[in-house]
Amino acid sequence: MIKKKLAKKKRQNRPIPHWIRMRTDNTIRYNAKRRHWRRTKLGDCISLKTWVPFPAGVYA
C-alpha cells in the first residue's frame, strides 16, 4: 500500500515530456506540481508510522 503510493508520487514528480512542449499552440511550459524531496514533504497520508486511528483522549 505504501509502496504503491510512493511509486505513484515518484511517477508524478517528473518534468513534462519534450514533445508536449513542442506541440502547436501549447501553453504548458513546465510541471507546476513538481516536488522537491527536501522542501515539500508528502504528508501524513503516506507515513503510517505517525498515523493514529483515533485522537488522543477519546477512549480515556
Protein backbone atom coordinates (compact mmCIF):
# COMPACT_ATOMS: atom_id res chain seq x y z
CA MET A 1 0.00 0.00 0.00
CA ILE A 2 2.69 2.48 0.98
CA LYS A 3 4.98 1.37 -1.85
CA LYS A 4 2.22 1.90 -4.41
CA LYS A 5 1.57 5.42 -3.16
CA LEU A 6 5.26 6.24 -3.16
CA ALA A 7 5.62 4.82 -6.67
CA LYS A 8 2.75 6.99 -7.91
CA LYS A 9 4.27 10.09 -6.33
CA LYS A 10 7.59 9.23 -7.94
CA ARG A 11 5.94 8.95 -11.36
CA GLN A 12 4.17 12.28 -10.88
CA ASN A 13 7.36 14.06 -9.88
CA ARG A 14 8.94 14.46 -13.30
CA PRO A 15 9.09 17.14 -15.98
CA ILE A 16 6.60 17.12 -18.82
CA PRO A 17 7.73 15.33 -21.99
CA HIS A 18 9.53 17.48 -24.52
CA TRP A 19 7.14 16.65 -27.35
CA ILE A 20 4.23 18.12 -25.36
CA ARG A 21 6.13 21.38 -25.06
CA MET A 22 6.75 21.45 -28.82
CA ARG A 23 3.10 20.98 -29.84
CA THR A 24 1.33 23.75 -31.72
CA ASP A 25 -0.49 26.31 -29.56
CA ASN A 26 0.80 24.79 -26.35
CA THR A 27 0.79 26.91 -23.19
CA ILE A 28 2.19 24.29 -20.79
CA ARG A 29 5.86 25.04 -20.23
CA TYR A 30 6.67 23.08 -17.08
CA ASN A 31 5.16 20.80 -14.46
CA ALA A 32 3.73 23.13 -11.82
CA LYS A 33 3.31 20.27 -9.34
CA ARG A 34 6.97 19.25 -9.13
CA ARG A 35 8.01 18.38 -5.59
CA HIS A 36 11.47 18.65 -4.11
CA TRP A 37 12.27 15.91 -1.62
CA ARG A 38 13.64 18.29 0.99
CA ARG A 39 11.39 21.34 0.60
CA THR A 40 7.94 19.75 0.35
CA LYS A 41 7.05 16.53 2.11
CA LEU A 42 4.28 14.15 1.12
CA GLY A 43 2.32 14.46 4.35
CA ASP A 44 0.85 12.09 6.92
CA CYS A 45 -1.27 10.17 4.40
CA ILE A 46 1.86 8.32 3.25
CA SER A 47 3.51 7.66 6.59
CA LEU A 48 1.62 5.04 8.57
CA LYS A 49 4.14 5.22 11.40
CA THR A 50 2.73 8.57 12.51
CA TRP A 51 -0.88 7.74 11.67
CA VAL A 52 -3.18 7.39 14.70
CA PRO A 53 -6.64 5.90 14.11
CA PHE A 54 -8.26 7.85 16.95
CA PRO A 55 -7.38 11.20 18.50
CA ALA A 56 -5.68 11.11 21.88
CA GLY A 57 -8.05 11.03 24.82
CA VAL A 58 -11.13 9.72 23.01
CA TYR A 59 -11.29 6.45 24.95
CA ALA A 60 -9.87 7.72 28.22
